[in-house]
Amino acid sequence: MSLSLHREWVAQTLVDTPLGALRLAASAQGLGGAWFEDQKHHPGPLDAPEWADHPTLAQARDELQAYWQAPRQTRFATPLDPAGTAFQQAVWAVLRELLPGQTCSYGALALRLQRPQAVRAVGAAVGRNPLSLFIPCHRVLGSDGSLTGYAGGLTRKRTLLRNEGAALAADLFASTP
């Protein structure tokens, strides 16, 4: 059986965020995409009507507004429908358990999935996350606590983590005399 990673989009909208424009896309089942316009793995133009008031997109937009106002307190409840393999889905499910300000390493994710040898595959799944912010892949750090790749760019990742109150290795070293 082959798994299609394509979604049939029913609505899309572009929302402004403090970190740039974010394209939201909904399937019939939920939010399937949230990409910064210049991020890696952005699917490009979507075949879906612009419909900012679609219920899923409206909920996502409202939750994003709450997130920007209180990133440490916000938990997203928008129904999600990301397209991915079973392994990617498992990685993304574990990522959704990370609270704002909480970080982990790729190795820790692999251990959590009971696949300690799959660190590189975990990294690839994290990088292919189609739901920036809603599936918080920005909370994954290198094993030494350093910032590592983020499809939306390291500047965004650093800003998101600092807004959430995460302690970053660079911040710890900067405060040491």
N, C-alpha and C. Protein backbone atom coordinates (compact mmCIF):
# COMPACT_ATOMS: atom_id res chain seq x y z
N MET A 1 0.84 -1.18 0.00
CA MET A 1 0.00 0.00 0.00
C MET A 1 0.88 1.24 0.00
N SER A 2 0.59 2.16 -0.87
CA SER A 2 1.37 3.38 -0.96
C SER A 2 0.63 4.51 -0.28
N LEU A 3 1.36 5.32 0.43
CA LEU A 3 0.78 6.44 1.15
C LEU A 3 0.98 7.71 0.34
N SER A 4 -0.08 8.40 0.08
CA SER A 4 0.03 9.68 -0.62
C SER A 4 0.30 10.77 0.40
N LEU A 5 1.33 11.55 0.16
CA LEU A 5 1.65 12.66 1.04
C LEU A 5 1.00 13.95 0.55
N HIS A 6 0.15 13.84 -0.44
CA HIS A 6 -0.56 14.99 -0.98
C HIS A 6 -1.87 15.17 -0.24
N ARG A 7 -2.23 16.40 0.02
CA ARG A 7 -3.50 16.71 0.65
C ARG A 7 -4.36 17.46 -0.36
N GLU A 8 -5.64 17.22 -0.30
CA GLU A 8 -6.57 18.02 -1.07
C GLU A 8 -6.97 19.18 -0.17
N TRP A 9 -6.56 20.37 -0.56
CA TRP A 9 -6.80 21.56 0.24
C TRP A 9 -8.19 22.11 -0.03
N VAL A 10 -8.88 22.54 1.02
CA VAL A 10 -10.20 23.13 0.87
C VAL A 10 -10.17 24.64 1.10
N ALA A 11 -9.14 25.14 1.76
CA ALA A 11 -9.04 26.57 2.04
C ALA A 11 -7.60 26.92 2.39
N GLN A 12 -7.27 28.17 2.15
CA GLN A 12 -5.96 28.69 2.55
C GLN A 12 -6.09 30.16 2.87
N THR A 13 -5.13 30.64 3.64
CA THR A 13 -5.05 32.07 3.93
C THR A 13 -3.62 32.40 4.32
N LEU A 14 -3.30 33.65 4.23
CA LEU A 14 -1.99 34.15 4.62
C LEU A 14 -2.20 35.03 5.85
N VAL A 15 -1.48 34.73 6.93
CA VAL A 15 -1.60 35.54 8.14
C VAL A 15 -0.26 36.22 8.42
N ASP A 16 -0.35 37.43 8.91
CA ASP A 16 0.86 38.15 9.30
C ASP A 16 1.23 37.72 10.71
N THR A 17 2.53 37.50 10.93
CA THR A 17 3.04 37.18 12.26
C THR A 17 4.23 38.08 12.52
N PRO A 18 4.68 38.19 13.75
CA PRO A 18 5.87 38.97 14.05
C PRO A 18 7.12 38.42 13.34
N LEU A 19 7.06 37.19 12.85
CA LEU A 19 8.22 36.58 12.18
C LEU A 19 8.03 36.48 10.68
N GLY A 20 7.01 37.12 10.16
CA GLY A 20 6.76 37.09 8.72
C GLY A 20 5.45 36.40 8.40
N ALA A 21 5.11 36.46 7.12
CA ALA A 21 3.85 35.88 6.66
C ALA A 21 3.86 34.36 6.81
N LEU A 22 2.74 33.81 7.25
CA LEU A 22 2.58 32.37 7.44
C LEU A 22 1.38 31.92 6.62
N ARG A 23 1.61 30.98 5.70
CA ARG A 23 0.54 30.42 4.87
C ARG A 23 -0.11 29.28 5.64
N LEU A 24 -1.41 29.37 5.87
CA LEU A 24 -2.18 28.31 6.52
C LEU A 24 -3.02 27.63 5.45
N ALA A 25 -3.09 26.31 5.52
CA ALA A 25 -3.90 25.54 4.57
C ALA A 25 -4.67 24.46 5.33
N ALA A 26 -5.94 24.32 4.95
CA ALA A 26 -6.80 23.35 5.61
C ALA A 26 -7.27 22.29 4.62
N SER A 27 -7.34 21.06 5.11
CA SER A 27 -8.00 19.97 4.40
C SER A 27 -9.39 19.84 5.00
N ALA A 28 -10.15 18.89 4.57
CA ALA A 28 -11.48 18.67 5.15
C ALA A 28 -11.37 18.18 6.60
N GLN A 29 -10.21 17.62 6.99
CA GLN A 29 -10.04 17.06 8.33
C GLN A 29 -9.39 18.02 9.32
N GLY A 30 -8.69 19.05 8.86
CA GLY A 30 -8.03 19.95 9.80
C GLY A 30 -6.93 20.75 9.13
N LEU A 31 -6.14 21.40 9.95
CA LEU A 31 -5.03 22.21 9.47
C LEU A 31 -3.93 21.28 8.96
N GLY A 32 -3.60 21.40 7.70
CA GLY A 32 -2.60 20.52 7.10
C GLY A 32 -1.29 21.20 6.80
N GLY A 33 -1.29 22.53 6.81
CA GLY A 33 -0.07 23.25 6.49
C GLY A 33 -0.01 24.60 7.17
N ALA A 34 1.19 24.95 7.62
CA ALA A 34 1.50 26.27 8.17
C ALA A 34 2.97 26.52 7.85
N TRP A 35 3.20 27.29 6.81
CA TRP A 35 4.57 27.52 6.34
C TRP A 35 4.86 29.00 6.26
N PHE A 36 6.06 29.38 6.74
CA PHE A 36 6.53 30.73 6.47
C PHE A 36 6.81 30.78 4.97
N GLU A 37 6.55 31.91 4.38
CA GLU A 37 6.62 32.03 2.92
C GLU A 37 7.99 31.68 2.35
N ASP A 38 9.06 31.86 3.11
CA ASP A 38 10.40 31.60 2.59
C ASP A 38 11.05 30.35 3.19
N GLN A 39 10.28 29.51 3.83
CA GLN A 39 10.90 28.37 4.50
C GLN A 39 11.16 27.20 3.54
N LYS A 40 12.10 26.35 3.94
CA LYS A 40 12.39 25.14 3.18
C LYS A 40 11.16 24.24 3.18
N HIS A 41 11.00 23.48 2.14
CA HIS A 41 9.91 22.51 1.99
C HIS A 41 8.53 23.16 1.87
N HIS A 42 8.49 24.46 1.61
CA HIS A 42 7.22 25.12 1.33
C HIS A 42 6.71 24.53 0.02
N PRO A 43 5.44 24.14 -0.04
CA PRO A 43 4.95 23.47 -1.24
C PRO A 43 4.71 24.38 -2.44
N GLY A 44 4.84 25.69 -2.25
CA GLY A 44 4.56 26.61 -3.34
C GLY A 44 3.08 26.91 -3.42
N PRO A 45 2.63 27.45 -4.54
CA PRO A 45 1.22 27.80 -4.67
C PRO A 45 0.31 26.59 -4.43
N LEU A 46 -0.76 26.83 -3.69
CA LEU A 46 -1.69 25.76 -3.36
C LEU A 46 -2.95 25.89 -4.21
N ASP A 47 -3.52 24.76 -4.56
CA ASP A 47 -4.76 24.74 -5.32
C ASP A 47 -5.93 24.71 -4.33
N ALA A 48 -6.20 25.87 -3.76
CA ALA A 48 -7.30 25.99 -2.79
C ALA A 48 -7.76 27.43 -2.77
N PRO A 49 -9.03 27.64 -2.53
CA PRO A 49 -9.52 29.01 -2.47
C PRO A 49 -8.99 29.76 -1.25
N GLU A 50 -8.79 31.06 -1.40
CA GLU A 50 -8.49 31.92 -0.26
C GLU A 50 -9.78 32.02 0.55
N TRP A 51 -9.73 31.62 1.82
CA TRP A 51 -10.92 31.60 2.65
C TRP A 51 -10.50 31.79 4.10
N ALA A 52 -10.22 33.03 4.44
CA ALA A 52 -9.70 33.35 5.76
C ALA A 52 -10.65 32.96 6.89
N ASP A 53 -11.96 32.95 6.61
CA ASP A 53 -12.93 32.64 7.65
C ASP A 53 -13.33 31.17 7.71
N HIS A 54 -12.63 30.32 6.97
CA HIS A 54 -12.89 28.88 7.09
C HIS A 54 -12.71 28.53 8.57
N PRO A 55 -13.58 27.73 9.16
CA PRO A 55 -13.52 27.48 10.61
C PRO A 55 -12.15 27.02 11.12
N THR A 56 -11.51 26.11 10.42
CA THR A 56 -10.19 25.63 10.87
C THR A 56 -9.16 26.75 10.80
N LEU A 57 -9.17 27.50 9.71
CA LEU A 57 -8.19 28.58 9.55
C LEU A 57 -8.46 29.71 10.53
N ALA A 58 -9.72 30.01 10.80
CA ALA A 58 -10.05 31.04 11.78
C ALA A 58 -9.58 30.63 13.17
N GLN A 59 -9.78 29.37 13.53
CA GLN A 59 -9.31 28.89 14.83
C GLN A 59 -7.79 28.97 14.91
N ALA A 60 -7.12 28.54 13.86
CA ALA A 60 -5.66 28.58 13.84
C ALA A 60 -5.17 30.03 13.97
N ARG A 61 -5.78 30.93 13.24
CA ARG A 61 -5.39 32.35 13.29
C ARG A 61 -5.59 32.91 14.70
N ASP A 62 -6.73 32.59 15.33
CA ASP A 62 -7.00 33.08 16.69
C ASP A 62 -5.98 32.51 17.68
N GLU A 63 -5.65 31.24 17.54
CA GLU A 63 -4.68 30.63 18.45
C GLU A 63 -3.28 31.21 18.23
N LEU A 64 -2.94 31.53 16.98
CA LEU A 64 -1.65 32.17 16.72
C LEU A 64 -1.59 33.54 17.39
N GLN A 65 -2.67 34.29 17.33
CA GLN A 65 -2.70 35.60 18.00
C GLN A 65 -2.49 35.44 19.50
N ALA A 66 -3.12 34.44 20.09
CA ALA A 66 -2.93 34.18 21.52
C ALA A 66 -1.49 33.78 21.80
N TYR A 67 -0.91 32.97 20.91
CA TYR A 67 0.47 32.54 21.08
C TYR A 67 1.42 33.74 21.09
N TRP A 68 1.25 34.67 20.17
CA TRP A 68 2.16 35.82 20.11
C TRP A 68 2.02 36.69 21.35
N GLN A 69 0.85 36.71 21.96
CA GLN A 69 0.63 37.52 23.16
C GLN A 69 1.15 36.81 24.42
N ALA A 70 1.05 35.50 24.46
CA ALA A 70 1.46 34.74 25.66
C ALA A 70 2.03 33.39 25.23
N PRO A 71 3.23 33.38 24.63
CA PRO A 71 3.77 32.12 24.08
C PRO A 71 4.00 31.03 25.13
N ARG A 72 4.22 31.41 26.36
CA ARG A 72 4.49 30.40 27.39
C ARG A 72 3.22 29.71 27.87
N GLN A 73 2.06 30.34 27.63
CA GLN A 73 0.81 29.78 28.12
C GLN A 73 -0.03 29.12 27.04
N THR A 74 0.31 29.32 25.79
CA THR A 74 -0.57 28.87 24.70
C THR A 74 -0.30 27.43 24.30
N ARG A 75 -1.37 26.65 24.24
CA ARG A 75 -1.35 25.30 23.68
C ARG A 75 -2.35 25.30 22.53
N PHE A 76 -1.92 24.85 21.38
CA PHE A 76 -2.78 24.84 20.21
C PHE A 76 -3.78 23.68 20.28
N ALA A 77 -5.03 23.97 19.93
CA ALA A 77 -6.09 22.96 19.93
C ALA A 77 -6.71 22.79 18.55
N THR A 78 -6.24 23.53 17.56
CA THR A 78 -6.76 23.40 16.21
C THR A 78 -6.61 21.95 15.76
N PRO A 79 -7.63 21.34 15.17
CA PRO A 79 -7.46 19.97 14.65
C PRO A 79 -6.41 19.98 13.53
N LEU A 80 -5.49 19.03 13.61
CA LEU A 80 -4.39 18.96 12.65
C LEU A 80 -4.55 17.77 11.71
N ASP A 81 -4.06 17.96 10.50
CA ASP A 81 -4.11 16.90 9.48
C ASP A 81 -2.86 16.97 8.60
N PRO A 82 -1.68 16.76 9.21
CA PRO A 82 -0.46 16.82 8.41
C PRO A 82 -0.28 15.54 7.59
N ALA A 83 0.15 15.69 6.34
CA ALA A 83 0.43 14.53 5.49
C ALA A 83 1.84 14.05 5.78
N GLY A 84 1.98 12.76 6.03
CA GLY A 84 3.30 12.21 6.31
C GLY A 84 3.24 10.71 6.45
N THR A 85 4.42 10.11 6.46
CA THR A 85 4.52 8.67 6.64
C THR A 85 4.16 8.32 8.09
N ALA A 86 3.99 7.06 8.37
CA ALA A 86 3.68 6.63 9.74
C ALA A 86 4.80 7.06 10.69
N PHE A 87 6.06 6.95 10.25
CA PHE A 87 7.19 7.35 11.09
C PHE A 87 7.15 8.87 11.34
N GLN A 88 6.94 9.65 10.30
CA GLN A 88 6.85 11.10 10.47
C GLN A 88 5.72 11.46 11.44
N GLN A 89 4.57 10.82 11.27
CA GLN A 89 3.44 11.07 12.15
C GLN A 89 3.80 10.78 13.62
N ALA A 90 4.55 9.70 13.84
CA ALA A 90 4.96 9.35 15.21
C ALA A 90 5.90 10.41 15.78
N VAL A 91 6.84 10.89 14.98
CA VAL A 91 7.76 11.94 15.43
C VAL A 91 6.97 13.21 15.75
N TRP A 92 6.06 13.58 14.87
CA TRP A 92 5.29 14.81 15.07
C TRP A 92 4.39 14.70 16.30
N ALA A 93 3.88 13.52 16.58
CA ALA A 93 3.04 13.32 17.78
C ALA A 93 3.86 13.57 19.04
N VAL A 94 5.10 13.09 19.07
CA VAL A 94 5.96 13.31 20.23
C VAL A 94 6.30 14.80 20.36
N LEU A 95 6.54 15.46 19.23
CA LEU A 95 6.83 16.90 19.27
C LEU A 95 5.67 17.68 19.89
N ARG A 96 4.46 17.28 19.61
CA ARG A 96 3.29 17.99 20.13
C ARG A 96 3.19 17.89 21.65
N GLU A 97 3.91 16.95 22.25
CA GLU A 97 3.90 16.82 23.71
C GLU A 97 4.82 17.82 24.39
N LEU A 98 5.74 18.44 23.62
CA LEU A 98 6.66 19.42 24.20
C LEU A 98 5.91 20.71 24.52
N LEU A 99 6.05 21.16 25.73
CA LEU A 99 5.40 22.38 26.17
C LEU A 99 6.22 23.60 25.77
N PRO A 100 5.60 24.77 25.68
CA PRO A 100 6.37 25.98 25.38
C PRO A 100 7.53 26.15 26.35
N GLY A 101 8.70 26.44 25.81
CA GLY A 101 9.90 26.61 26.62
C GLY A 101 10.64 25.31 26.89
N GLN A 102 10.03 24.19 26.61
CA GLN A 102 10.65 22.89 26.82
C GLN A 102 11.35 22.49 25.52
N THR A 103 12.56 21.99 25.64
CA THR A 103 13.31 21.55 24.47
C THR A 103 13.76 20.11 24.65
N CYS A 104 14.17 19.51 23.55
CA CYS A 104 14.76 18.17 23.59
C CYS A 104 15.71 18.05 22.40
N SER A 105 16.46 16.99 22.39
CA SER A 105 17.40 16.74 21.30
C SER A 105 16.80 15.71 20.34
N TYR A 106 17.40 15.61 19.17
CA TYR A 106 16.98 14.59 18.21
C TYR A 106 17.17 13.20 18.80
N GLY A 107 18.27 13.01 19.52
CA GLY A 107 18.53 11.72 20.16
C GLY A 107 17.47 11.38 21.19
N ALA A 108 17.04 12.37 21.96
CA ALA A 108 16.00 12.14 22.96
C ALA A 108 14.68 11.76 22.28
N LEU A 109 14.40 12.39 21.14
CA LEU A 109 13.19 12.01 20.39
C LEU A 109 13.28 10.57 19.92
N ALA A 110 14.45 10.20 19.41
CA ALA A 110 14.63 8.82 18.93
C ALA A 110 14.44 7.82 20.07
N LEU A 111 14.98 8.14 21.24
CA LEU A 111 14.79 7.26 22.40
C LEU A 111 13.32 7.19 22.80
N ARG A 112 12.64 8.32 22.77
CA ARG A 112 11.22 8.36 23.13
C ARG A 112 10.40 7.47 22.20
N LEU A 113 10.84 7.39 20.94
CA LEU A 113 10.16 6.56 19.95
C LEU A 113 10.63 5.11 20.00
N GLN A 114 11.52 4.81 20.92
CA GLN A 114 12.14 3.48 21.06
C GLN A 114 12.87 3.08 19.78
N ARG A 115 13.51 4.05 19.16
CA ARG A 115 14.30 3.85 17.94
C ARG A 115 15.62 4.59 18.09
N PRO A 116 16.47 4.20 19.07
CA PRO A 116 17.69 4.97 19.36
C PRO A 116 18.66 5.09 18.18
N GLN A 117 18.59 4.19 17.24
CA GLN A 117 19.48 4.26 16.08
C GLN A 117 18.92 5.14 14.97
N ALA A 118 17.75 5.69 15.16
CA ALA A 118 17.06 6.43 14.09
C ALA A 118 17.19 7.94 14.23
N VAL A 119 18.28 8.41 14.82
CA VAL A 119 18.43 9.85 15.07
C VAL A 119 18.37 10.64 13.76
N ARG A 120 19.03 10.17 12.73
CA ARG A 120 19.02 10.89 11.45
C ARG A 120 17.61 10.89 10.83
N ALA A 121 16.91 9.78 10.93
CA ALA A 121 15.55 9.70 10.40
C ALA A 121 14.63 10.63 11.19
N VAL A 122 14.84 10.70 12.50
CA VAL A 122 14.06 11.63 13.32
C VAL A 122 14.33 13.06 12.86
N GLY A 123 15.60 13.39 12.63
CA GLY A 123 15.95 14.72 12.15
C GLY A 123 15.28 15.05 10.82
N ALA A 124 15.24 14.08 9.93
CA ALA A 124 14.59 14.29 8.64
C ALA A 124 13.09 14.51 8.82
N ALA A 125 12.46 13.75 9.71
CA ALA A 125 11.02 13.91 9.97
C ALA A 125 10.74 15.28 10.59
N VAL A 126 11.58 15.69 11.52
CA VAL A 126 11.42 17.01 12.15
C VAL A 126 11.50 18.09 11.08
N GLY A 127 12.48 17.96 10.18
CA GLY A 127 12.67 18.96 9.13
C GLY A 127 11.54 19.03 8.13
N ARG A 128 10.79 17.95 7.97
CA ARG A 128 9.68 17.90 7.01
C ARG A 128 8.33 18.25 7.63
N ASN A 129 8.34 18.69 8.87
CA ASN A 129 7.11 19.08 9.54
C ASN A 129 6.38 20.15 8.72
N PRO A 130 5.15 19.88 8.29
CA PRO A 130 4.42 20.87 7.49
C PRO A 130 3.63 21.89 8.32
N LEU A 131 3.72 21.82 9.64
CA LEU A 131 2.90 22.67 10.50
C LEU A 131 3.75 23.47 11.48
N SER A 132 4.51 24.42 10.94
CA SER A 132 5.33 25.28 11.80
C SER A 132 4.50 25.84 12.94
N LEU A 133 5.08 25.86 14.10
CA LEU A 133 4.48 26.34 15.34
C LEU A 133 3.45 25.37 15.91
N PHE A 134 2.52 24.89 15.12
CA PHE A 134 1.49 23.98 15.63
C PHE A 134 2.08 22.63 16.03
N ILE A 135 3.05 22.16 15.28
CA ILE A 135 3.88 21.03 15.68
C ILE A 135 5.25 21.65 15.95
N PRO A 136 5.61 21.81 17.22
CA PRO A 136 6.73 22.68 17.58
C PRO A 136 8.14 22.10 17.33
N CYS A 137 8.47 21.94 16.07
CA CYS A 137 9.79 21.42 15.73
C CYS A 137 10.90 22.40 16.11
N HIS A 138 10.56 23.66 16.35
CA HIS A 138 11.56 24.64 16.77
C HIS A 138 12.10 24.31 18.17
N ARG A 139 11.47 23.42 18.89
CA ARG A 139 11.90 23.07 20.25
C ARG A 139 12.94 21.95 20.27
N VAL A 140 13.40 21.52 19.10
CA VAL A 140 14.41 20.47 19.02
C VAL A 140 15.77 21.11 18.83
N LEU A 141 16.71 20.73 19.70
CA LEU A 141 18.06 21.28 19.69
C LEU A 141 19.07 20.16 19.43
N GLY A 142 20.30 20.56 19.17
CA GLY A 142 21.38 19.59 19.04
C GLY A 142 21.67 18.95 20.39
N SER A 143 22.41 17.86 20.39
CA SER A 143 22.68 17.12 21.63
C SER A 143 23.43 17.97 22.66
N ASP A 144 24.15 19.00 22.20
CA ASP A 144 24.87 19.89 23.12
C ASP A 144 24.06 21.13 23.48
N GLY A 145 22.80 21.16 23.08
CA GLY A 145 21.93 22.29 23.37
C GLY A 145 22.02 23.41 22.35
N SER A 146 22.77 23.20 21.29
CA SER A 146 22.93 24.25 20.28
C SER A 146 21.75 24.28 19.33
N LEU A 147 21.55 25.45 18.72
CA LEU A 147 20.53 25.57 17.69
C LEU A 147 21.00 24.79 16.48
N THR A 148 20.10 24.04 15.92
CA THR A 148 20.41 23.30 14.70
C THR A 148 19.34 23.65 13.68
N GLY A 149 19.37 23.04 12.55
CA GLY A 149 18.48 23.39 11.46
C GLY A 149 17.04 23.62 11.83
N TYR A 150 16.42 24.54 11.12
CA TYR A 150 15.00 24.83 11.24
C TYR A 150 14.56 25.31 9.88
N ALA A 151 13.54 24.68 9.32
CA ALA A 151 13.11 25.02 7.96
C ALA A 151 12.73 26.48 7.83
N GLY A 152 12.28 27.10 8.92
CA GLY A 152 11.91 28.50 8.90
C GLY A 152 13.07 29.45 9.13
N GLY A 153 14.27 28.89 9.37
CA GLY A 153 15.46 29.71 9.59
C GLY A 153 15.83 29.80 11.06
N LEU A 154 17.13 29.82 11.34
CA LEU A 154 17.60 29.82 12.72
C LEU A 154 17.23 31.10 13.47
N THR A 155 17.13 32.23 12.77
CA THR A 155 16.73 33.46 13.45
C THR A 155 15.32 33.30 14.02
N ARG A 156 14.42 32.73 13.24
CA ARG A 156 13.06 32.49 13.74
C ARG A 156 13.07 31.50 14.90
N LYS A 157 13.85 30.45 14.76
CA LYS A 157 13.92 29.43 15.81
C LYS A 157 14.39 30.05 17.12
N ARG A 158 15.46 30.84 17.06
CA ARG A 158 16.00 31.49 18.25
C ARG A 158 14.93 32.41 18.88
N THR A 159 14.25 33.18 18.06
CA THR A 159 13.22 34.10 18.56
C THR A 159 12.08 33.33 19.21
N LEU A 160 11.61 32.27 18.57
CA LEU A 160 10.53 31.47 19.14
C LEU A 160 10.92 30.89 20.50
N LEU A 161 12.12 30.32 20.58
CA LEU A 161 12.57 29.71 21.83
C LEU A 161 12.74 30.75 22.93
N ARG A 162 13.31 31.90 22.60
CA ARG A 162 13.48 32.95 23.60
C ARG A 162 12.12 33.47 24.07
N ASN A 163 11.17 33.64 23.14
CA ASN A 163 9.83 34.09 23.52
C ASN A 163 9.16 33.10 24.46
N GLU A 164 9.46 31.82 24.29
CA GLU A 164 8.87 30.78 25.13
C GLU A 164 9.62 30.59 26.44
N GLY A 165 10.76 31.28 26.59
CA GLY A 165 11.53 31.18 27.83
C GLY A 165 12.49 30.02 27.89
N ALA A 166 12.81 29.44 26.75
CA ALA A 166 13.76 28.31 26.74
C ALA A 166 15.17 28.83 26.99
N ALA A 167 15.92 28.07 27.77
CA ALA A 167 17.33 28.40 27.99
C ALA A 167 18.14 27.85 26.82
N LEU A 168 18.84 28.73 26.14
CA LEU A 168 19.66 28.32 25.00
C LEU A 168 21.12 28.34 25.39
N ALA A 169 21.90 27.40 24.84
CA ALA A 169 23.32 27.31 25.16
C ALA A 169 24.02 28.64 24.94
N ALA A 170 23.73 29.33 23.84
CA ALA A 170 24.37 30.61 23.54
C ALA A 170 24.04 31.64 24.61
N ASP A 171 22.81 31.61 25.13
CA ASP A 171 22.43 32.55 26.19
C ASP A 171 23.20 32.25 27.48
N LEU A 172 23.36 30.98 27.77
CA LEU A 172 24.08 30.60 29.00
C LEU A 172 25.52 31.05 28.94
N PHE A 173 26.17 30.88 27.78
CA PHE A 173 27.56 31.27 27.64
C PHE A 173 27.71 32.80 27.64
N ALA A 174 26.73 33.49 27.07
CA ALA A 174 26.79 34.96 27.01
C ALA A 174 26.68 35.58 28.39
N SER A 175 25.99 34.90 29.33
CA SER A 175 25.82 35.48 30.66
C SER A 175 26.95 35.08 31.61
N THR A 176 27.86 34.24 31.15
CA THR A 176 28.98 33.82 31.99
C THR A 176 30.12 34.84 31.86
N PRO A 177 30.68 35.30 32.99
CA PRO A 177 31.77 36.29 32.91
C PRO A 177 33.03 35.72 32.30
